[in-house]
Amino acid sequence: MARFTDAEVLAQIEEHYEQTGHMPSVRQLRDSLGFASTSTVQHHLDRLVADGSLIRAETTGPGAYHRYRFPE
């Protein structure tokens, strides 16, 4: 099982954003990091929100799974 720090997960999110112009979904992160479960990704995302590295965005409708953004 892959083990990554929150900083490494954030770096993956930043890389995806730079390449595509949008935040990765939880499933995209799971796949790119090699995690077996989306819940592991969610734990990292929750910690990144708690420390202020990401902000949980209020989104609805198509693309709502891209529900995080970078602080301004």
C-alpha atoms as a PDB file:
ATOM      1  CA  MET A   1       0.000   0.000   0.000  1.00  0.00           C
ATOM      2  CA  ALA A   2       1.292   3.444  -0.930  1.00  0.00           C
ATOM      3  CA  ARG A   3       1.989   5.928   1.834  1.00  0.00           C
ATOM      4  CA  PHE A   4       2.153   9.626   1.146  1.00  0.00           C
ATOM      5  CA  THR A   5       2.404  12.700   3.318  1.00  0.00           C
ATOM      6  CA  ASP A   6      -0.178  15.445   3.074  1.00  0.00           C
ATOM      7  CA  ALA A   7       2.463  17.582   1.357  1.00  0.00           C
ATOM      8  CA  GLU A   8       2.927  14.924  -1.335  1.00  0.00           C
ATOM      9  CA  VAL A   9      -0.831  14.692  -1.857  1.00  0.00           C
ATOM     10  CA  LEU A  10      -1.016  18.481  -2.134  1.00  0.00           C
ATOM     11  CA  ALA A  11       1.827  18.422  -4.673  1.00  0.00           C
ATOM     12  CA  GLN A  12      -0.149  15.906  -6.758  1.00  0.00           C
ATOM     13  CA  ILE A  13      -3.221  18.156  -6.593  1.00  0.00           C
ATOM     14  CA  GLU A  14      -1.152  21.177  -7.668  1.00  0.00           C
ATOM     15  CA  GLU A  15       0.409  19.234 -10.550  1.00  0.00           C
ATOM     16  CA  HIS A  16      -3.002  18.082 -11.786  1.00  0.00           C
ATOM     17  CA  TYR A  17      -4.344  21.643 -11.529  1.00  0.00           C
ATOM     18  CA  GLU A  18      -1.400  23.062 -13.482  1.00  0.00           C
ATOM     19  CA  GLN A  19      -1.854  20.455 -16.235  1.00  0.00           C
ATOM     20  CA  THR A  20      -5.649  20.553 -16.557  1.00  0.00           C
ATOM     21  CA  GLY A  21      -6.859  23.853 -15.099  1.00  0.00           C
ATOM     22  CA  HIS A  22      -9.171  22.154 -12.597  1.00  0.00           C
ATOM     23  CA  MET A  23      -8.922  20.284  -9.336  1.00  0.00           C
ATOM     24  CA  PRO A  24      -8.726  16.486  -9.490  1.00  0.00           C
ATOM     25  CA  SER A  25     -11.606  14.378  -8.249  1.00  0.00           C
ATOM     26  CA  VAL A  26     -11.143  12.111  -5.250  1.00  0.00           C
ATOM     27  CA  ARG A  27     -11.125   9.118  -7.609  1.00  0.00           C
ATOM     28  CA  GLN A  28      -8.514  10.716  -9.856  1.00  0.00           C
ATOM     29  CA  LEU A  29      -6.316  11.297  -6.812  1.00  0.00           C
ATOM     30  CA  ARG A  30      -6.860   7.726  -5.624  1.00  0.00           C
ATOM     31  CA  ASP A  31      -5.764   6.398  -8.998  1.00  0.00           C
ATOM     32  CA  SER A  32      -2.775   8.709  -9.460  1.00  0.00           C
ATOM     33  CA  LEU A  33      -1.464   8.034  -5.943  1.00  0.00           C
ATOM     34  CA  GLY A  34      -2.144   4.301  -6.053  1.00  0.00           C
ATOM     35  CA  PHE A  35      -4.453   4.188  -3.045  1.00  0.00           C
ATOM     36  CA  ALA A  36      -6.890   1.295  -2.747  1.00  0.00           C
ATOM     37  CA  SER A  37      -9.708   3.425  -1.369  1.00  0.00           C
ATOM     38  CA  THR A  38     -11.152   6.907  -1.798  1.00  0.00           C
ATOM     39  CA  SER A  39     -11.511   7.171   1.989  1.00  0.00           C
ATOM     40  CA  THR A  40      -7.721   7.391   2.313  1.00  0.00           C
ATOM     41  CA  VAL A  41      -7.712  10.311  -0.116  1.00  0.00           C
ATOM     42  CA  GLN A  42     -10.558  11.912   1.815  1.00  0.00           C
ATOM     43  CA  HIS A  43      -8.569  11.725   5.069  1.00  0.00           C
ATOM     44  CA  HIS A  44      -5.686  13.575   3.407  1.00  0.00           C
ATOM     45  CA  LEU A  45      -8.070  16.172   1.951  1.00  0.00           C
ATOM     46  CA  ASP A  46      -9.704  16.709   5.354  1.00  0.00           C
ATOM     47  CA  ARG A  47      -6.295  17.348   6.931  1.00  0.00           C
ATOM     48  CA  LEU A  48      -5.311  19.721   4.096  1.00  0.00           C
ATOM     49  CA  VAL A  49      -8.534  21.672   4.698  1.00  0.00           C
ATOM     50  CA  ALA A  50      -7.908  21.706   8.463  1.00  0.00           C
ATOM     51  CA  ASP A  51      -4.414  23.161   8.026  1.00  0.00           C
ATOM     52  CA  GLY A  52      -5.579  25.767   5.481  1.00  0.00           C
ATOM     53  CA  SER A  53      -3.818  24.319   2.416  1.00  0.00           C
ATOM     54  CA  LEU A  54      -7.167  23.736   0.684  1.00  0.00           C
ATOM     55  CA  ILE A  55     -10.636  25.215   1.050  1.00  0.00           C
ATOM     56  CA  ARG A  56     -13.785  23.180   0.701  1.00  0.00           C
ATOM     57  CA  ALA A  57     -15.751  24.839  -2.109  1.00  0.00           C
ATOM     58  CA  GLU A  58     -19.526  25.057  -2.068  1.00  0.00           C
ATOM     59  CA  THR A  59     -20.436  23.586  -5.451  1.00  0.00           C
ATOM     60  CA  THR A  60     -23.460  21.888  -6.922  1.00  0.00           C
ATOM     61  CA  GLY A  61     -24.386  20.502 -10.312  1.00  0.00           C
ATOM     62  CA  PRO A  62     -22.056  19.086 -12.950  1.00  0.00           C
ATOM     63  CA  GLY A  63     -18.463  18.900 -11.771  1.00  0.00           C
ATOM     64  CA  ALA A  64     -19.461  19.179  -8.122  1.00  0.00           C
ATOM     65  CA  TYR A  65     -16.921  16.496  -7.262  1.00  0.00           C
ATOM     66  CA  HIS A  66     -14.225  19.145  -7.788  1.00  0.00           C
ATOM     67  CA  ARG A  67     -15.174  20.555  -4.434  1.00  0.00           C
ATOM     68  CA  TYR A  68     -11.856  21.925  -3.227  1.00  0.00           C
ATOM     69  CA  ARG A  69      -9.943  25.026  -4.156  1.00  0.00           C
ATOM     70  CA  PHE A  70      -6.715  26.729  -3.177  1.00  0.00           C
ATOM     71  CA  PRO A  71      -6.808  29.595  -0.664  1.00  0.00           C
ATOM     72  CA  GLU A  72      -6.590  33.014  -2.240  1.00  0.00           C
END
